């Protein structure tokens, strides 16, 4: 007795029936498509993991905050005064 009550002979019979129904060429294509799908999934998972590692920590985000509104308006006032002169 093999895997949970299925013998080797039963597995061979099922394999022969599958080969007769689908043919070797179609089974080859199905196998390669499944392999490509698994590779794509693994690649997407590793890319997502790398993106998560590359995210900047919150401490660095606070240091690189954009200028406040007051500073921006002061700079625009200064530049408009330079244009008048």
N, C-alpha and C. Protein backbone atom coordinates (compact mmCIF):
# COMPACT_ATOMS: atom_id res chain seq x y z
N UNK A 1 0.84 -1.18 0.00
CA UNK A 1 0.00 0.00 0.00
C UNK A 1 0.88 1.24 0.00
N UNK A 2 0.54 2.25 -0.82
CA UNK A 2 1.35 3.45 -0.99
C UNK A 2 0.83 4.61 -0.17
N UNK A 3 0.52 5.66 -0.88
CA UNK A 3 0.10 6.91 -0.27
C UNK A 3 -1.39 6.87 0.06
N UNK A 4 -1.69 6.82 1.33
CA UNK A 4 -3.07 6.85 1.84
C UNK A 4 -4.03 5.95 1.07
N UNK A 5 -3.62 4.72 0.87
CA UNK A 5 -4.50 3.76 0.24
C UNK A 5 -4.41 3.69 -1.26
N UNK A 6 -3.56 4.49 -1.89
CA UNK A 6 -3.41 4.44 -3.34
C UNK A 6 -2.11 3.70 -3.65
N UNK A 7 -2.21 2.65 -4.45
CA UNK A 7 -1.02 1.87 -4.75
C UNK A 7 -0.29 2.46 -5.95
N UNK A 8 0.91 1.95 -6.18
CA UNK A 8 1.72 2.40 -7.32
C UNK A 8 1.02 2.09 -8.64
N UNK A 9 0.36 0.95 -8.72
CA UNK A 9 -0.33 0.56 -9.95
C UNK A 9 -1.47 1.53 -10.28
N UNK A 10 -2.18 1.96 -9.27
CA UNK A 10 -3.26 2.92 -9.50
C UNK A 10 -2.71 4.26 -10.00
N UNK A 11 -1.59 4.69 -9.42
CA UNK A 11 -0.96 5.93 -9.88
C UNK A 11 -0.48 5.81 -11.32
N UNK A 12 0.08 4.66 -11.68
CA UNK A 12 0.52 4.45 -13.06
C UNK A 12 -0.65 4.46 -14.05
N UNK A 13 -1.77 3.86 -13.66
CA UNK A 13 -2.95 3.86 -14.52
C UNK A 13 -3.46 5.28 -14.74
N UNK A 14 -3.51 6.07 -13.67
CA UNK A 14 -3.95 7.46 -13.78
C UNK A 14 -2.98 8.24 -14.68
N UNK A 15 -1.68 8.01 -14.54
CA UNK A 15 -0.69 8.68 -15.36
C UNK A 15 -0.86 8.34 -16.84
N UNK A 16 -1.10 7.09 -17.14
CA UNK A 16 -1.31 6.67 -18.53
C UNK A 16 -2.57 7.32 -19.11
N UNK A 17 -3.63 7.38 -18.33
CA UNK A 17 -4.88 8.01 -18.80
C UNK A 17 -4.66 9.49 -19.06
N UNK A 18 -3.94 10.17 -18.17
CA UNK A 18 -3.65 11.60 -18.35
C UNK A 18 -2.82 11.81 -19.61
N UNK A 19 -1.83 10.96 -19.84
CA UNK A 19 -1.01 11.06 -21.05
C UNK A 19 -1.85 10.85 -22.31
N UNK A 20 -2.79 9.91 -22.26
CA UNK A 20 -3.64 9.66 -23.43
C UNK A 20 -4.59 10.83 -23.69
N UNK A 21 -5.10 11.41 -22.63
CA UNK A 21 -6.08 12.50 -22.79
C UNK A 21 -5.39 13.79 -23.26
N UNK A 22 -4.32 14.17 -22.58
CA UNK A 22 -3.69 15.46 -22.87
C UNK A 22 -2.56 15.38 -23.88
N UNK A 23 -1.84 14.30 -23.91
CA UNK A 23 -0.70 14.19 -24.81
C UNK A 23 0.55 14.80 -24.19
N UNK A 24 1.69 14.36 -24.68
CA UNK A 24 2.95 14.80 -24.07
C UNK A 24 3.25 16.27 -24.35
N UNK A 25 2.88 16.75 -25.54
CA UNK A 25 3.18 18.13 -25.89
C UNK A 25 2.40 19.10 -25.00
N UNK A 26 1.13 18.81 -24.79
CA UNK A 26 0.31 19.69 -23.96
C UNK A 26 0.77 19.63 -22.50
N UNK A 27 1.13 18.46 -22.02
CA UNK A 27 1.62 18.35 -20.64
C UNK A 27 2.93 19.11 -20.47
N UNK A 28 3.78 19.07 -21.50
CA UNK A 28 5.03 19.83 -21.45
C UNK A 28 4.74 21.33 -21.35
N UNK A 29 3.79 21.81 -22.15
CA UNK A 29 3.42 23.23 -22.12
C UNK A 29 2.83 23.62 -20.77
N UNK A 30 1.99 22.76 -20.23
CA UNK A 30 1.38 23.04 -18.93
C UNK A 30 2.47 23.11 -17.85
N UNK A 31 3.42 22.19 -17.91
CA UNK A 31 4.52 22.18 -16.94
C UNK A 31 5.37 23.43 -17.03
N UNK A 32 5.69 23.85 -18.25
CA UNK A 32 6.52 25.05 -18.39
C UNK A 32 5.75 26.31 -17.98
N UNK A 33 4.45 26.36 -18.27
CA UNK A 33 3.64 27.50 -17.83
C UNK A 33 3.56 27.58 -16.31
N UNK A 34 3.41 26.43 -15.69
CA UNK A 34 3.37 26.41 -14.22
C UNK A 34 4.71 26.85 -13.63
N UNK A 35 5.81 26.40 -14.24
CA UNK A 35 7.13 26.79 -13.78
C UNK A 35 7.35 28.30 -13.91
N UNK A 36 6.94 28.86 -15.04
CA UNK A 36 7.08 30.31 -15.25
C UNK A 36 6.22 31.09 -14.26
N UNK A 37 5.03 30.58 -13.97
CA UNK A 37 4.15 31.25 -13.02
C UNK A 37 4.77 31.26 -11.63
N UNK A 38 5.37 30.15 -11.25
CA UNK A 38 5.99 30.07 -9.92
C UNK A 38 7.20 30.99 -9.85
N UNK A 39 8.01 31.04 -10.92
CA UNK A 39 9.16 31.95 -10.95
C UNK A 39 8.71 33.40 -10.85
N UNK A 40 7.64 33.75 -11.58
CA UNK A 40 7.11 35.11 -11.52
C UNK A 40 6.61 35.48 -10.14
N UNK A 41 5.95 34.52 -9.50
CA UNK A 41 5.44 34.77 -8.15
C UNK A 41 6.59 34.97 -7.17
N UNK A 42 7.62 34.13 -7.26
CA UNK A 42 8.77 34.28 -6.37
C UNK A 42 9.48 35.61 -6.61
N UNK A 43 9.59 36.00 -7.88
CA UNK A 43 10.22 37.27 -8.21
C UNK A 43 9.44 38.45 -7.66
N UNK A 44 8.12 38.38 -7.76
CA UNK A 44 7.29 39.46 -7.23
C UNK A 44 7.38 39.53 -5.71
N UNK A 45 7.47 38.39 -5.07
CA UNK A 45 7.58 38.38 -3.61
C UNK A 45 8.92 38.94 -3.17
N UNK A 46 9.99 38.62 -3.88
CA UNK A 46 11.30 39.16 -3.50
C UNK A 46 11.38 40.66 -3.79
N UNK A 47 10.74 41.12 -4.87
CA UNK A 47 10.71 42.55 -5.16
C UNK A 47 9.95 43.31 -4.08
N UNK A 48 8.85 42.74 -3.62
CA UNK A 48 8.08 43.39 -2.57
C UNK A 48 8.88 43.44 -1.27
N UNK A 49 9.66 42.41 -1.01
CA UNK A 49 10.51 42.40 0.19
C UNK A 49 11.61 43.43 0.11
N UNK A 50 12.18 43.63 -1.08
CA UNK A 50 13.23 44.62 -1.25
C UNK A 50 12.66 46.03 -1.12
N UNK A 51 11.48 46.28 -1.66
CA UNK A 51 10.87 47.60 -1.56
C UNK A 51 10.58 47.94 -0.11
N UNK A 52 10.17 46.95 0.66
CA UNK A 52 9.87 47.19 2.07
C UNK A 52 11.14 47.55 2.83
N UNK A 53 12.27 46.91 2.47
CA UNK A 53 13.53 47.22 3.14
C UNK A 53 14.04 48.59 2.75
N UNK A 54 13.75 49.03 1.52
CA UNK A 54 14.26 50.30 1.03
C UNK A 54 13.47 51.51 1.53
N UNK A 55 12.33 51.28 2.15
CA UNK A 55 11.54 52.40 2.66
C UNK A 55 12.36 53.15 3.71
N UNK A 56 12.27 54.48 3.69
CA UNK A 56 13.03 55.27 4.65
C UNK A 56 12.35 55.22 6.01
N UNK A 57 13.15 55.12 7.06
CA UNK A 57 12.58 55.11 8.40
C UNK A 57 11.96 56.46 8.73
N UNK A 58 11.03 56.51 9.66
CA UNK A 58 10.35 57.77 9.99
C UNK A 58 11.30 58.86 10.47
N UNK A 59 12.42 58.49 11.11
CA UNK A 59 13.36 59.50 11.60
C UNK A 59 13.94 60.30 10.43
N UNK A 60 14.24 59.61 9.33
CA UNK A 60 14.81 60.29 8.18
C UNK A 60 13.78 61.16 7.48
N UNK A 61 12.52 60.76 7.53
CA UNK A 61 11.47 61.56 6.91
C UNK A 61 11.30 62.89 7.64
N UNK A 62 11.42 62.89 8.98
CA UNK A 62 11.26 64.12 9.75
C UNK A 62 12.40 65.08 9.44
N UNK A 63 13.61 64.55 9.23
CA UNK A 63 14.76 65.41 8.95
C UNK A 63 14.65 66.07 7.59
N UNK A 64 14.02 65.41 6.65
CA UNK A 64 13.96 65.95 5.30
C UNK A 64 12.59 66.54 4.98
N UNK A 65 11.95 67.14 5.97
CA UNK A 65 10.66 67.78 5.74
C UNK A 65 10.83 68.97 4.81
N UNK A 66 9.84 69.25 4.00
CA UNK A 66 9.92 70.44 3.14
C UNK A 66 9.84 71.71 3.97
N UNK A 67 10.21 72.80 3.36
CA UNK A 67 10.19 74.08 4.07
C UNK A 67 8.77 74.42 4.50
N UNK A 68 8.66 75.11 5.62
CA UNK A 68 7.33 75.48 6.09
C UNK A 68 6.75 76.58 5.21
N UNK A 69 5.49 76.85 5.36
CA UNK A 69 4.81 77.84 4.53
C UNK A 69 5.38 79.23 4.76
N UNK A 70 5.79 79.54 6.00
CA UNK A 70 6.36 80.86 6.30
C UNK A 70 7.66 81.06 5.53
N UNK A 71 8.50 80.08 5.51
CA UNK A 71 9.78 80.20 4.83
C UNK A 71 9.56 80.36 3.33
N UNK A 72 8.61 79.64 2.80
CA UNK A 72 8.34 79.74 1.36
C UNK A 72 7.83 81.13 1.02
N UNK A 73 6.92 81.68 1.82
CA UNK A 73 6.39 83.01 1.51
C UNK A 73 7.48 84.07 1.70
N UNK A 74 8.36 83.90 2.70
CA UNK A 74 9.46 84.86 2.87
C UNK A 74 10.37 84.85 1.64
N UNK A 75 10.66 83.67 1.13
CA UNK A 75 11.52 83.58 -0.06
C UNK A 75 10.85 84.20 -1.27
N UNK A 76 9.55 84.04 -1.41
CA UNK A 76 8.86 84.63 -2.56
C UNK A 76 8.81 86.14 -2.42
N UNK A 77 8.64 86.63 -1.21
CA UNK A 77 8.62 88.07 -1.02
C UNK A 77 9.99 88.65 -1.35
N UNK A 78 11.04 87.96 -0.91
CA UNK A 78 12.40 88.44 -1.19
C UNK A 78 12.68 88.43 -2.70
N UNK A 79 12.24 87.38 -3.37
CA UNK A 79 12.50 87.32 -4.82
C UNK A 79 11.67 88.36 -5.55
N UNK A 80 10.46 88.65 -5.10
CA UNK A 80 9.66 89.67 -5.79
C UNK A 80 10.24 91.07 -5.52
N UNK A 81 10.86 91.27 -4.36
CA UNK A 81 11.51 92.55 -4.08
C UNK A 81 12.73 92.73 -4.97
N UNK A 82 13.45 91.64 -5.25
CA UNK A 82 14.62 91.72 -6.13
C UNK A 82 14.19 92.08 -7.55
N UNK A 83 13.04 91.60 -7.97
CA UNK A 83 12.56 91.89 -9.32
C UNK A 83 12.20 93.36 -9.47
N UNK A 84 11.72 93.98 -8.38
CA UNK A 84 11.34 95.39 -8.44
C UNK A 84 12.55 96.29 -8.60
N UNK A 85 13.69 95.85 -8.07
CA UNK A 85 14.89 96.70 -8.09
C UNK A 85 15.57 96.67 -9.40
